[in-house]
C-alpha atoms as a PDB file:
ATOM      1  CA  MET A   1      78.085-155.475   8.977  1.00  0.00           C
ATOM      2  CA  GLN A   2      79.895-158.826   8.908  1.00  0.00           C
ATOM      3  CA  GLN A   3      77.787-161.909   9.560  1.00  0.00           C
ATOM      4  CA  ASN A   4      79.772-162.897  12.660  1.00  0.00           C
ATOM      5  CA  THR A   5      79.035-159.519  14.255  1.00  0.00           C
ATOM      6  CA  VAL A   6      75.267-159.663  13.775  1.00  0.00           C
ATOM      7  CA  PRO A   7      73.461-160.064  17.119  1.00  0.00           C
ATOM      8  CA  LEU A   8      71.259-163.118  17.442  1.00  0.00           C
ATOM      9  CA  VAL A   9      68.085-162.456  15.479  1.00  0.00           C
ATOM     10  CA  SER A  10      64.781-163.789  16.804  1.00  0.00           C
ATOM     11  CA  VAL A  11      62.272-164.287  13.991  1.00  0.00           C
ATOM     12  CA  VAL A  12      58.833-164.083  15.610  1.00  0.00           C
ATOM     13  CA  ILE A  13      55.812-165.459  13.727  1.00  0.00           C
ATOM     14  CA  PRO A  14      52.243-165.314  15.101  1.00  0.00           C
ATOM     15  CA  THR A  15      49.984-168.081  13.734  1.00  0.00           C
ATOM     16  CA  LEU A  16      46.387-169.246  13.789  1.00  0.00           C
ATOM     17  CA  ASN A  17      45.426-171.933  11.277  1.00  0.00           C
ATOM     18  CA  SER A  18      48.220-170.707   9.013  1.00  0.00           C
ATOM     19  CA  GLY A  19      48.930-173.985   7.269  1.00  0.00           C
ATOM     20  CA  LYS A  20      48.109-172.568   3.845  1.00  0.00           C
ATOM     21  CA  THR A  21      51.078-170.165   3.798  1.00  0.00           C
ATOM     22  CA  LEU A  22      53.364-171.172   6.677  1.00  0.00           C
ATOM     23  CA  GLU A  23      55.544-173.704   4.869  1.00  0.00           C
ATOM     24  CA  ALA A  24      56.519-171.222   2.148  1.00  0.00           C
ATOM     25  CA  CYS A  25      57.229-168.632   4.849  1.00  0.00           C
ATOM     26  CA  LEU A  26      59.488-170.989   6.812  1.00  0.00           C
ATOM     27  CA  ARG A  27      61.263-172.395   3.743  1.00  0.00           C
ATOM     28  CA  ALA A  28      62.265-168.872   2.717  1.00  0.00           C
ATOM     29  CA  ILE A  29      63.638-168.221   6.209  1.00  0.00           C
ATOM     30  CA  ALA A  30      65.588-171.492   6.121  1.00  0.00           C
ATOM     31  CA  ALA A  31      67.134-170.438   2.787  1.00  0.00           C
ATOM     32  CA  GLN A  32      68.766-167.340   4.306  1.00  0.00           C
ATOM     33  CA  LYS A  33      72.535-166.958   3.949  1.00  0.00           C
ATOM     34  CA  LEU A  34      72.799-165.692   7.513  1.00  0.00           C
ATOM     35  CA  PRO A  35      74.251-168.672   9.440  1.00  0.00           C
ATOM     36  CA  ARG A  36      71.545-170.725  11.142  1.00  0.00           C
ATOM     37  CA  ASP A  37      73.165-170.280  14.545  1.00  0.00           C
ATOM     38  CA  ARG A  38      72.739-166.502  14.180  1.00  0.00           C
ATOM     39  CA  TYR A  39      68.937-166.610  14.153  1.00  0.00           C
ATOM     40  CA  GLU A  40      66.148-168.483  15.890  1.00  0.00           C
ATOM     41  CA  ILE A  41      62.535-168.955  14.861  1.00  0.00           C
ATOM     42  CA  VAL A  42      59.824-168.495  17.492  1.00  0.00           C
ATOM     43  CA  LEU A  43      56.249-169.346  16.553  1.00  0.00           C
ATOM     44  CA  ALA A  44      53.411-168.060  18.766  1.00  0.00           C
ATOM     45  CA  ASP A  45      50.332-170.138  18.029  1.00  0.00           C
ATOM     46  CA  ALA A  46      46.784-169.166  18.978  1.00  0.00           C
ATOM     47  CA  GLY A  47      45.387-172.702  19.083  1.00  0.00           C
ATOM     48  CA  SER A  48      45.553-173.859  15.468  1.00  0.00           C
ATOM     49  CA  THR A  49      43.409-176.844  14.539  1.00  0.00           C
ATOM     50  CA  ASP A  50      44.974-177.391  11.114  1.00  0.00           C
ATOM     51  CA  ASP A  51      48.523-178.583  10.322  1.00  0.00           C
ATOM     52  CA  THR A  52      50.231-175.348  11.415  1.00  0.00           C
ATOM     53  CA  ARG A  53      52.176-176.912  14.289  1.00  0.00           C
ATOM     54  CA  ALA A  54      53.166-179.993  12.305  1.00  0.00           C
ATOM     55  CA  ILE A  55      54.553-177.772   9.539  1.00  0.00           C
ATOM     56  CA  ALA A  56      56.442-175.692  12.114  1.00  0.00           C
ATOM     57  CA  ARG A  57      58.087-178.771  13.621  1.00  0.00           C
ATOM     58  CA  ALA A  58      58.943-180.219  10.186  1.00  0.00           C
ATOM     59  CA  CYS A  59      60.536-176.928   9.121  1.00  0.00           C
ATOM     60  CA  GLY A  60      62.784-176.647  12.166  1.00  0.00           C
ATOM     61  CA  VAL A  61      61.074-173.963  14.245  1.00  0.00           C
ATOM     62  CA  ASP A  62      63.085-173.548  17.455  1.00  0.00           C
ATOM     63  CA  LYS A  63      60.262-172.631  19.830  1.00  0.00           C
ATOM     64  CA  ILE A  64      56.482-172.961  19.714  1.00  0.00           C
ATOM     65  CA  VAL A  65      54.705-170.956  22.411  1.00  0.00           C
ATOM     66  CA  GLU A  66      51.042-170.440  23.250  1.00  0.00           C
ATOM     67  CA  ASN A  67      49.059-167.316  22.404  1.00  0.00           C
ATOM     68  CA  PRO A  68      45.931-167.543  24.560  1.00  0.00           C
ATOM     69  CA  LEU A  69      44.714-164.042  23.605  1.00  0.00           C
ATOM     70  CA  LYS A  70      44.422-165.196  19.966  1.00  0.00           C
ATOM     71  CA  THR A  71      45.145-161.967  18.052  1.00  0.00           C
ATOM     72  CA  GLY A  72      48.241-161.389  15.945  1.00  0.00           C
ATOM     73  CA  GLU A  73      49.283-158.530  18.207  1.00  0.00           C
ATOM     74  CA  ALA A  74      49.081-160.787  21.255  1.00  0.00           C
ATOM     75  CA  GLY A  75      51.038-163.416  19.330  1.00  0.00           C
ATOM     76  CA  LYS A  76      53.835-160.948  18.733  1.00  0.00           C
ATOM     77  CA  THR A  77      53.991-160.246  22.465  1.00  0.00           C
ATOM     78  CA  ALA A  78      54.034-163.959  23.300  1.00  0.00           C
ATOM     79  CA  GLY A  79      56.743-164.653  20.747  1.00  0.00           C
ATOM     80  CA  ILE A  80      58.907-161.712  21.791  1.00  0.00           C
ATOM     81  CA  SER A  81      58.608-162.773  25.449  1.00  0.00           C
ATOM     82  CA  ALA A  82      60.056-166.174  24.545  1.00  0.00           C
ATOM     83  CA  ALA A  83      62.727-164.824  22.191  1.00  0.00           C
ATOM     84  CA  SER A  84      66.433-164.610  23.033  1.00  0.00           C
ATOM     85  CA  GLY A  85      67.804-162.341  20.313  1.00  0.00           C
ATOM     86  CA  GLY A  86      69.131-158.827  20.540  1.00  0.00           C
ATOM     87  CA  LEU A  87      67.247-158.130  17.298  1.00  0.00           C
ATOM     88  CA  ILE A  88      63.591-159.064  16.789  1.00  0.00           C
ATOM     89  CA  ALA A  89      62.266-159.684  13.275  1.00  0.00           C
ATOM     90  CA  LEU A  90      58.471-159.694  13.042  1.00  0.00           C
ATOM     91  CA  ILE A  91      57.437-161.909  10.130  1.00  0.00           C
ATOM     92  CA  ASP A  92      53.802-162.805   9.526  1.00  0.00           C
ATOM     93  CA  SER A  93      52.875-166.320   8.457  1.00  0.00           C
ATOM     94  CA  ASP A  94      51.751-164.923   5.085  1.00  0.00           C
ATOM     95  CA  ASN A  95      55.103-163.198   4.481  1.00  0.00           C
ATOM     96  CA  ILE A  96      57.797-164.718   2.269  1.00  0.00           C
ATOM     97  CA  LEU A  97      61.363-163.405   2.285  1.00  0.00           C
ATOM     98  CA  PRO A  98      62.114-162.709  -1.395  1.00  0.00           C
ATOM     99  CA  ASP A  99      65.811-163.655  -1.483  1.00  0.00           C
ATOM    100  CA  PRO A 100      68.500-165.409   0.625  1.00  0.00           C
ATOM    101  CA  ASP A 101      70.212-162.112   1.508  1.00  0.00           C
ATOM    102  CA  TRP A 102      67.133-160.624   3.137  1.00  0.00           C
ATOM    103  CA  LEU A 103      68.056-161.122   6.796  1.00  0.00           C
ATOM    104  CA  THR A 104      71.623-159.992   6.167  1.00  0.00           C
ATOM    105  CA  ARG A 105      70.495-156.795   4.455  1.00  0.00           C
ATOM    106  CA  MET A 106      67.794-156.060   7.025  1.00  0.00           C
ATOM    107  CA  THR A 107      70.218-156.365   9.939  1.00  0.00           C
ATOM    108  CA  ALA A 108      73.133-154.493   8.332  1.00  0.00           C
ATOM    109  CA  PRO A 109      71.819-150.976   9.195  1.00  0.00           C
ATOM    110  CA  PHE A 110      72.140-151.768  12.913  1.00  0.00           C
ATOM    111  CA  ALA A 111      75.879-151.166  12.558  1.00  0.00           C
ATOM    112  CA  ASP A 112      74.758-147.544  12.944  1.00  0.00           C
ATOM    113  CA  PRO A 113      74.023-147.161  16.672  1.00  0.00           C
ATOM    114  CA  ASP A 114      71.339-144.547  15.908  1.00  0.00           C
ATOM    115  CA  ILE A 115      69.211-147.027  13.997  1.00  0.00           C
ATOM    116  CA  VAL A 116      66.598-148.687  16.221  1.00  0.00           C
ATOM    117  CA  ALA A 117      64.576-150.479  13.543  1.00  0.00           C
ATOM    118  CA  SER A 118      64.516-151.438   9.874  1.00  0.00           C
ATOM    119  CA  GLU A 119      61.758-152.211   7.392  1.00  0.00           C
ATOM    120  CA  PRO A 120      61.603-153.145   3.681  1.00  0.00           C
ATOM    121  CA  ILE A 121      60.818-150.241   1.395  1.00  0.00           C
ATOM    122  CA  ALA A 122      58.455-152.219  -0.849  1.00  0.00           C
ATOM    123  CA  TYR A 123      56.191-155.210  -1.222  1.00  0.00           C
ATOM    124  CA  THR A 124      57.567-157.736  -3.692  1.00  0.00           C
ATOM    125  CA  VAL A 125      55.341-158.344  -6.722  1.00  0.00           C
ATOM    126  CA  ARG A 126      55.471-161.901  -8.101  1.00  0.00           C
ATOM    127  CA  LYS A 127      53.793-162.913 -11.360  1.00  0.00           C
ATOM    128  CA  GLU A 128      52.680-166.237  -9.885  1.00  0.00           C
ATOM    129  CA  ASP A 129      50.687-164.653  -7.062  1.00  0.00           C
ATOM    130  CA  PRO A 130      46.919-164.033  -7.359  1.00  0.00           C
ATOM    131  CA  ALA A 131      45.950-160.780  -9.052  1.00  0.00           C
ATOM    132  CA  LEU A 132      44.479-159.295  -5.864  1.00  0.00           C
ATOM    133  CA  THR A 133      47.696-160.036  -3.971  1.00  0.00           C
ATOM    134  CA  ARG A 134      49.654-158.317  -6.753  1.00  0.00           C
ATOM    135  CA  TYR A 135      47.314-155.317  -6.605  1.00  0.00           C
ATOM    136  CA  PHE A 136      48.028-154.633  -2.927  1.00  0.00           C
ATOM    137  CA  ALA A 137      51.767-155.115  -3.502  1.00  0.00           C
ATOM    138  CA  LEU A 138      51.687-152.637  -6.405  1.00  0.00           C
ATOM    139  CA  LEU A 139      49.607-150.181  -4.374  1.00  0.00           C
ATOM    140  CA  GLY A 140      52.101-150.491  -1.498  1.00  0.00           C
ATOM    141  CA  MET A 141      49.414-150.613   1.191  1.00  0.00           C
ATOM    142  CA  ASN A 142      46.549-152.796   2.384  1.00  0.00           C
ATOM    143  CA  ASP A 143      44.057-149.949   2.744  1.00  0.00           C
ATOM    144  CA  PRO A 144      43.458-147.571  -0.204  1.00  0.00           C
ATOM    145  CA  LEU A 145      42.316-144.820   2.170  1.00  0.00           C
ATOM    146  CA  CYS A 146      46.004-144.402   3.079  1.00  0.00           C
ATOM    147  CA  LEU A 147      46.722-143.343  -0.508  1.00  0.00           C
ATOM    148  CA  PHE A 148      44.480-140.306  -0.037  1.00  0.00           C
ATOM    149  CA  THR A 149      45.725-139.401   3.458  1.00  0.00           C
ATOM    150  CA  LYS A 150      49.316-139.907   2.187  1.00  0.00           C
ATOM    151  CA  ASN A 151      50.096-142.094   5.205  1.00  0.00           C
ATOM    152  CA  TYR A 152      51.643-145.262   3.806  1.00  0.00           C
ATOM    153  CA  ASP A 153      55.076-146.833   4.145  1.00  0.00           C
ATOM    154  CA  ARG A 154      55.848-148.962   1.065  1.00  0.00           C
ATOM    155  CA  MET A 155      56.630-148.067  -2.534  1.00  0.00           C
ATOM    156  CA  CYS A 156      53.415-147.131  -4.330  1.00  0.00           C
ATOM    157  CA  ALA A 157      53.213-147.441  -8.107  1.00  0.00           C
ATOM    158  CA  VAL A 158      50.493-144.763  -8.244  1.00  0.00           C
ATOM    159  CA  THR A 159      52.720-142.057  -6.737  1.00  0.00           C
ATOM    160  CA  GLY A 160      56.205-143.458  -7.328  1.00  0.00           C
ATOM    161  CA  LYS A 161      56.998-142.814  -3.642  1.00  0.00           C
ATOM    162  CA  TRP A 162      57.311-144.985  -0.526  1.00  0.00           C
ATOM    163  CA  THR A 163      55.318-142.460   1.525  1.00  0.00           C
ATOM    164  CA  GLY A 164      53.326-139.313   0.947  1.00  0.00           C
ATOM    165  CA  LEU A 165      54.541-137.711   4.167  1.00  0.00           C
ATOM    166  CA  GLU A 166      57.534-135.374   4.338  1.00  0.00           C
ATOM    167  CA  VAL A 167      60.011-137.593   6.178  1.00  0.00           C
ATOM    168  CA  PRO A 168      63.644-136.392   6.486  1.00  0.00           C
ATOM    169  CA  GLN A 169      65.916-139.089   5.058  1.00  0.00           C
ATOM    170  CA  GLN A 170      69.518-139.743   4.119  1.00  0.00           C
ATOM    171  CA  ASP A 171      70.476-142.165   1.359  1.00  0.00           C
ATOM    172  CA  LYS A 172      73.002-144.630   2.798  1.00  0.00           C
ATOM    173  CA  GLY A 173      73.304-146.777  -0.314  1.00  0.00           C
ATOM    174  CA  ASP A 174      71.410-149.945   0.547  1.00  0.00           C
ATOM    175  CA  TYR A 175      68.943-148.136   2.790  1.00  0.00           C
ATOM    176  CA  LEU A 176      67.430-144.780   3.650  1.00  0.00           C
ATOM    177  CA  LYS A 177      68.068-143.465   7.156  1.00  0.00           C
ATOM    178  CA  LEU A 178      64.831-141.858   8.310  1.00  0.00           C
ATOM    179  CA  THR A 179      64.338-139.304  11.054  1.00  0.00           C
ATOM    180  CA  LEU A 180      60.766-139.719  12.206  1.00  0.00           C
ATOM    181  CA  SER A 181      58.795-137.199  14.236  1.00  0.00           C
ATOM    182  CA  GLU A 182      55.303-136.704  15.622  1.00  0.00           C
ATOM    183  CA  THR A 183      54.350-134.874  12.432  1.00  0.00           C
ATOM    184  CA  ALA A 184      56.183-137.204  10.022  1.00  0.00           C
ATOM    185  CA  LEU A 185      55.381-140.704  11.217  1.00  0.00           C
ATOM    186  CA  PRO A 186      54.202-143.202   8.572  1.00  0.00           C
ATOM    187  CA  THR A 187      52.517-146.422   9.682  1.00  0.00           C
ATOM    188  CA  ILE A 188      55.808-148.295  10.130  1.00  0.00           C
ATOM    189  CA  GLY A 189      56.041-151.608  11.968  1.00  0.00           C
ATOM    190  CA  ALA A 190      54.488-154.562  10.104  1.00  0.00           C
ATOM    191  CA  ASN A 191      55.458-157.222   7.538  1.00  0.00           C
ATOM    192  CA  GLY A 192      59.193-157.598   7.989  1.00  0.00           C
ATOM    193  CA  PHE A 193      59.821-155.115  10.778  1.00  0.00           C
ATOM    194  CA  VAL A 194      63.163-155.626  12.587  1.00  0.00           C
ATOM    195  CA  PHE A 195      64.056-153.759  15.783  1.00  0.00           C
ATOM    196  CA  ARG A 196      66.473-153.712  18.689  1.00  0.00           C
ATOM    197  CA  ARG A 197      65.175-155.623  21.686  1.00  0.00           C
ATOM    198  CA  SER A 198      66.395-152.794  23.919  1.00  0.00           C
ATOM    199  CA  LEU A 199      63.674-150.600  22.403  1.00  0.00           C
ATOM    200  CA  LEU A 200      61.097-152.536  24.430  1.00  0.00           C
ATOM    201  CA  GLU A 201      62.332-150.814  27.594  1.00  0.00           C
ATOM    202  CA  HIS A 202      60.866-147.529  26.324  1.00  0.00           C
ATOM    203  CA  VAL A 203      57.480-148.582  24.910  1.00  0.00           C
ATOM    204  CA  SER A 204      54.291-150.373  25.918  1.00  0.00           C
ATOM    205  CA  TRP A 205      54.156-153.784  24.235  1.00  0.00           C
ATOM    206  CA  THR A 206      52.186-156.116  26.519  1.00  0.00           C
ATOM    207  CA  PRO A 207      49.739-157.801  26.342  1.00  0.00           C
ATOM    208  CA  TYR A 208      49.401-156.584  22.742  1.00  0.00           C
ATOM    209  CA  PHE A 209      52.221-155.468  20.442  1.00  0.00           C
ATOM    210  CA  PHE A 210      50.521-152.851  18.249  1.00  0.00           C
ATOM    211  CA  ASP A 211      53.337-152.198  15.786  1.00  0.00           C
ATOM    212  CA  ILE A 212      52.531-148.643  14.704  1.00  0.00           C
ATOM    213  CA  ASP A 213      51.826-147.655  18.315  1.00  0.00           C
ATOM    214  CA  VAL A 214      55.186-149.039  19.397  1.00  0.00           C
ATOM    215  CA  MET A 215      57.005-146.958  16.781  1.00  0.00           C
ATOM    216  CA  HIS A 216      54.980-143.879  17.762  1.00  0.00           C
ATOM    217  CA  GLN A 217      56.015-144.369  21.396  1.00  0.00           C
ATOM    218  CA  ALA A 218      59.641-144.979  20.383  1.00  0.00           C
ATOM    219  CA  VAL A 219      59.757-141.638  18.557  1.00  0.00           C
ATOM    220  CA  GLY A 220      58.257-139.946  21.612  1.00  0.00           C
ATOM    221  CA  ALA A 221      60.934-141.556  23.787  1.00  0.00           C
ATOM    222  CA  GLY A 222      63.712-140.098  21.629  1.00  0.00           C
ATOM    223  CA  PHE A 223      64.410-142.947  19.175  1.00  0.00           C
ATOM    224  CA  PRO A 224      63.485-141.513  15.761  1.00  0.00           C
ATOM    225  CA  HIS A 225      65.934-143.233  13.409  1.00  0.00           C
ATOM    226  CA  VAL A 226      64.680-146.096  11.236  1.00  0.00           C
ATOM    227  CA  ALA A 227      66.242-147.705   8.164  1.00  0.00           C
ATOM    228  CA  LYS A 228      64.141-148.218   5.064  1.00  0.00           C
ATOM    229  CA  VAL A 229      66.058-151.026   3.363  1.00  0.00           C
ATOM    230  CA  LYS A 230      65.936-151.117  -0.440  1.00  0.00           C
ATOM    231  CA  THR A 231      64.416-154.554  -0.607  1.00  0.00           C
ATOM    232  CA  GLY A 232      60.924-156.005  -0.528  1.00  0.00           C
ATOM    233  CA  ILE A 233      58.873-158.661   1.178  1.00  0.00           C
ATOM    234  CA  VAL A 234      56.086-160.827  -0.183  1.00  0.00           C
ATOM    235  CA  HIS A 235      52.740-160.377   1.546  1.00  0.00           C
ATOM    236  CA  LEU A 236      50.150-162.979   0.567  1.00  0.00           C
ATOM    237  CA  TYR A 237      47.416-160.671   1.781  1.00  0.00           C
ATOM    238  CA  CYS A 238      44.290-161.696  -0.120  1.00  0.00           C
ATOM    239  CA  GLU A 239      43.298-163.952  -2.989  1.00  0.00           C
ATOM    240  CA  ARG A 240      39.659-162.859  -3.305  1.00  0.00           C
ATOM    241  CA  LEU A 241      37.575-159.789  -2.591  1.00  0.00           C
ATOM    242  CA  ALA A 242      35.683-161.818   0.015  1.00  0.00           C
ATOM    243  CA  ASP A 243      38.985-162.359   1.853  1.00  0.00           C
ATOM    244  CA  PHE A 244      39.704-158.639   1.755  1.00  0.00           C
ATOM    245  CA  THR A 245      36.228-157.810   3.058  1.00  0.00           C
ATOM    246  CA  ARG A 246      36.669-160.114   6.059  1.00  0.00           C
ATOM    247  CA  LYS A 247      40.144-158.806   6.824  1.00  0.00           C
ATOM    248  CA  GLN A 248      39.120-155.164   6.474  1.00  0.00           C
ATOM    249  CA  ARG A 249      36.128-155.763   8.745  1.00  0.00           C
ATOM    250  CA  ARG A 250      38.328-157.493  11.323  1.00  0.00           C
ATOM    251  CA  ARG A 251      40.940-154.738  11.247  1.00  0.00           C
ATOM    252  CA  ILE A 252      38.422-151.918  11.638  1.00  0.00           C
ATOM    253  CA  LYS A 253      36.419-153.628  14.400  1.00  0.00           C
ATOM    254  CA  ASP A 254      39.566-154.556  16.323  1.00  0.00           C
ATOM    255  CA  PHE A 255      40.905-151.012  16.092  1.00  0.00           C
ATOM    256  CA  LEU A 256      37.670-149.420  17.294  1.00  0.00           C
ATOM    257  CA  TYR A 257      37.484-151.829  20.222  1.00  0.00           C
ATOM    258  CA  PHE A 258      41.061-151.346  21.397  1.00  0.00           C
ATOM    259  CA  ALA A 259      40.850-147.588  20.841  1.00  0.00           C
ATOM    260  CA  GLN A 260      37.720-147.553  23.014  1.00  0.00           C
ATOM    261  CA  GLU A 261      39.662-149.484  25.659  1.00  0.00           C
ATOM    262  CA  LYS A 262      42.421-146.808  25.545  1.00  0.00           C
ATOM    263  CA  GLN A 263      44.998-149.332  24.322  1.00  0.00           C
ATOM    264  CA  ARG A 264      45.977-147.522  21.117  1.00  0.00           C
ATOM    265  CA  THR A 265      48.338-144.525  20.988  1.00  0.00           C
ATOM    266  CA  TYR A 266      49.106-143.773  17.331  1.00  0.00           C
ATOM    267  CA  PRO A 267      47.562-140.339  16.577  1.00  0.00           C
ATOM    268  CA  TRP A 268      45.059-141.371  13.916  1.00  0.00           C
ATOM    269  CA  ASP A 269      43.023-138.265  14.710  1.00  0.00           C
ATOM    270  CA  ARG A 270      45.776-136.255  13.008  1.00  0.00           C
ATOM    271  CA  GLN A 271      44.938-137.781   9.641  1.00  0.00           C
ATOM    272  CA  LYS A 272      44.152-135.062   7.153  1.00  0.00           C
ATOM    273  CA  LYS A 273      40.373-134.829   7.013  1.00  0.00           C
ATOM    274  CA  SER A 274      40.725-133.517   3.464  1.00  0.00           C
ATOM    275  CA  GLY A 275      42.218-136.876   2.458  1.00  0.00           C
ATOM    276  CA  ILE A 276      39.270-138.754   3.903  1.00  0.00           C
ATOM    277  CA  VAL A 277      36.832-136.471   2.076  1.00  0.00           C
ATOM    278  CA  LEU A 278      38.770-136.912  -1.162  1.00  0.00           C
ATOM    279  CA  PHE A 279      38.656-140.689  -0.754  1.00  0.00           C
ATOM    280  CA  CYS A 280      34.882-140.634  -0.305  1.00  0.00           C
ATOM    281  CA  LEU A 281      34.365-138.362  -3.312  1.00  0.00           C
ATOM    282  CA  ALA A 282      36.790-140.269  -5.538  1.00  0.00           C
ATOM    283  CA  THR A 283      35.168-143.593  -4.692  1.00  0.00           C
ATOM    284  CA  VAL A 284      31.646-142.351  -5.338  1.00  0.00           C
ATOM    285  CA  LEU A 285      32.596-140.579  -8.576  1.00  0.00           C
ATOM    286  CA  VAL A 286      34.878-143.458  -9.749  1.00  0.00           C
ATOM    287  CA  ALA A 287      36.647-141.322 -12.379  1.00  0.00           C
ATOM    288  CA  PRO A 288      39.465-140.233 -10.009  1.00  0.00           C
ATOM    289  CA  LEU A 289      40.067-143.902  -9.224  1.00  0.00           C
ATOM    290  CA  LEU A 290      40.401-144.626 -12.929  1.00  0.00           C
ATOM    291  CA  VAL A 291      43.046-141.902 -13.151  1.00  0.00           C
ATOM    292  CA  GLN A 292      44.980-143.533 -10.291  1.00  0.00           C
ATOM    293  CA  MET A 293      44.666-146.907 -11.986  1.00  0.00           C
ATOM    294  CA  SER A 294      46.090-145.435 -15.191  1.00  0.00           C
ATOM    295  CA  ARG A 295      49.047-143.903 -13.363  1.00  0.00           C
ATOM    296  CA  GLY A 296      49.776-147.174 -11.635  1.00  0.00           C
ATOM    297  CA  PHE A 297      49.458-149.147 -14.859  1.00  0.00           C
ATOM    298  CA  LEU A 298      51.853-146.826 -16.695  1.00  0.00           C
ATOM    299  CA  ARG A 299      54.506-147.437 -14.030  1.00  0.00           C
ATOM    300  CA  LYS A 300      53.751-151.120 -13.460  1.00  0.00           C
ATOM    301  CA  PRO A 301      51.550-152.669 -16.154  1.00  0.00           C
ATOM    302  CA  ASP A 302      49.358-155.376 -14.619  1.00  0.00           C
ATOM    303  CA  ARG A 303      45.692-156.335 -14.952  1.00  0.00           C
ATOM    304  CA  ALA A 304      45.631-156.431 -11.146  1.00  0.00           C
ATOM    305  CA  TRP A 305      44.899-152.676 -11.205  1.00  0.00           C
ATOM    306  CA  LEU A 306      41.307-153.570 -12.126  1.00  0.00           C
ATOM    307  CA  PHE A 307      40.769-154.312  -8.439  1.00  0.00           C
ATOM    308  CA  HIS A 308      41.281-150.671  -7.457  1.00  0.00           C
ATOM    309  CA  VAL A 309      37.634-149.633  -7.860  1.00  0.00           C
ATOM    310  CA  PRO A 310      36.008-152.576  -6.009  1.00  0.00           C
ATOM    311  CA  VAL A 311      38.594-152.441  -3.207  1.00  0.00           C
ATOM    312  CA  CYS A 312      37.893-148.732  -2.685  1.00  0.00           C
ATOM    313  CA  TRP A 313      34.131-149.344  -2.675  1.00  0.00           C
ATOM    314  CA  ILE A 314      34.434-152.155  -0.119  1.00  0.00           C
ATOM    315  CA  THR A 315      36.656-149.953   2.037  1.00  0.00           C
ATOM    316  CA  LEU A 316      34.197-147.054   1.893  1.00  0.00           C
ATOM    317  CA  TRP A 317      31.353-149.376   2.859  1.00  0.00           C
ATOM    318  CA  MET A 318      33.304-150.876   5.771  1.00  0.00           C
ATOM    319  CA  TYR A 319      34.382-147.536   7.191  1.00  0.00           C
ATOM    320  CA  GLY A 320      30.928-146.082   6.648  1.00  0.00           C
ATOM    321  CA  ALA A 321      29.220-148.937   8.469  1.00  0.00           C
ATOM    322  CA  ALA A 322      31.706-148.751  11.355  1.00  0.00           C
ATOM    323  CA  THR A 323      31.291-144.986  11.649  1.00  0.00           C
ATOM    324  CA  LEU A 324      27.505-145.335  11.707  1.00  0.00           C
ATOM    325  CA  ARG A 325      27.607-148.027  14.374  1.00  0.00           C
ATOM    326  CA  LYS A 326      29.888-145.878  16.507  1.00  0.00           C
ATOM    327  CA  ALA A 327      27.643-142.829  16.060  1.00  0.00           C
ATOM    328  CA  LEU A 328      24.602-144.859  17.101  1.00  0.00           C
ATOM    329  CA  GLY A 329      26.370-145.936  20.275  1.00  0.00           C
ATOM    330  CA  PHE A 330      26.755-149.638  19.504  1.00  0.00           C
ATOM    331  CA  LYS A 331      29.181-151.390  21.837  1.00  0.00           C
ATOM    332  CA  GLN A 332      32.508-152.111  20.146  1.00  0.00           C
ATOM    333  CA  ALA A 333      33.899-155.654  20.197  1.00  0.00           C
ATOM    334  CA  PRO A 334      36.799-157.380  18.423  1.00  0.00           C
ATOM    335  CA  VAL A 335      36.172-160.095  15.866  1.00  0.00           C
ATOM    336  CA  LYS A 336      36.204-163.528  17.491  1.00  0.00           C
ATOM    337  CA  ARG A 337      39.018-165.842  16.387  1.00  0.00           C
ATOM    338  CA  ASP A 338      37.413-169.132  17.499  1.00  0.00           C
ATOM    339  CA  ALA A 339      36.490-170.204  13.976  1.00  0.00           C
ATOM    340  CA  TRP A 340      39.268-168.371  12.138  1.00  0.00           C
ATOM    341  CA  GLN A 341      40.418-170.401   9.153  1.00  0.00           C
ATOM    342  CA  SER A 342      43.597-170.251   7.118  1.00  0.00           C
ATOM    343  CA  LYS A 343      41.707-169.036   4.044  1.00  0.00           C
ATOM    344  CA  THR A 344      41.010-165.733   5.808  1.00  0.00           C
END
């Protein structure tokens, strides 16, 4: 696809006290080879009290809109509502585009009219990033449970695959053309997800844009083709185990609340129960985790693999506590964002 034929791309970034990572995110976007008049940057801010908005203005953000509902999913909705582009690129404030060709490569598959969305096939691993950040990039997922259920969507050094599900795909050179279905639907839709704006006519995306739910609804509406582009994206997910614990707790509590409110549609109940059991056993026994660590290290040597055991234990504890609370009938509620800080 030639640059002058690329539809206007709206880069949508939800923020809340994101000053720690936002400048690097925006500088990488500004370094793109795609002409500046072919993309806009829309920032949806949830009431930051740090220097988030000052950084956005200094880095040339085109639009700053309010996100009164606070969550990242609500921020995506607010940003998309204010966007003008025919293509929407969802970039988190802790994402960094790894090279100047990223936007060009991510939009090229849309020359195929069947393609409704594109996503990087991997997380980029950088030596300068914290070891825990490198671990999640090497693992190819932010939740190790997904390794056992085989439902992940980025290249995993443990398995050597970008997903454990049987997804029909055609190699188109710079990308894989996927044909998704109800039974072969990885958790696609976050960290560098680009899609046609016209897709919004067929899915539910307000007041919260739940990315994996949107893709699930798109497949149900007859739009199954997604490009997995052979590039990566940096995700500055966590520096410390304490950060991971807070984020995992927030993610689980938010999901349980919105699922209770009937606002989630992705069929999580179809997860293979055997995978969940295997995760529990492997985490308790530890030895299977050490085998996974060894496989990952052989493919991608890095001391970051030492985090595999504690991350699995924290995840087991978080899911166990949430399951117990649900079984005891405790009322579900999302994590409050009022005091959310950039370090989390």
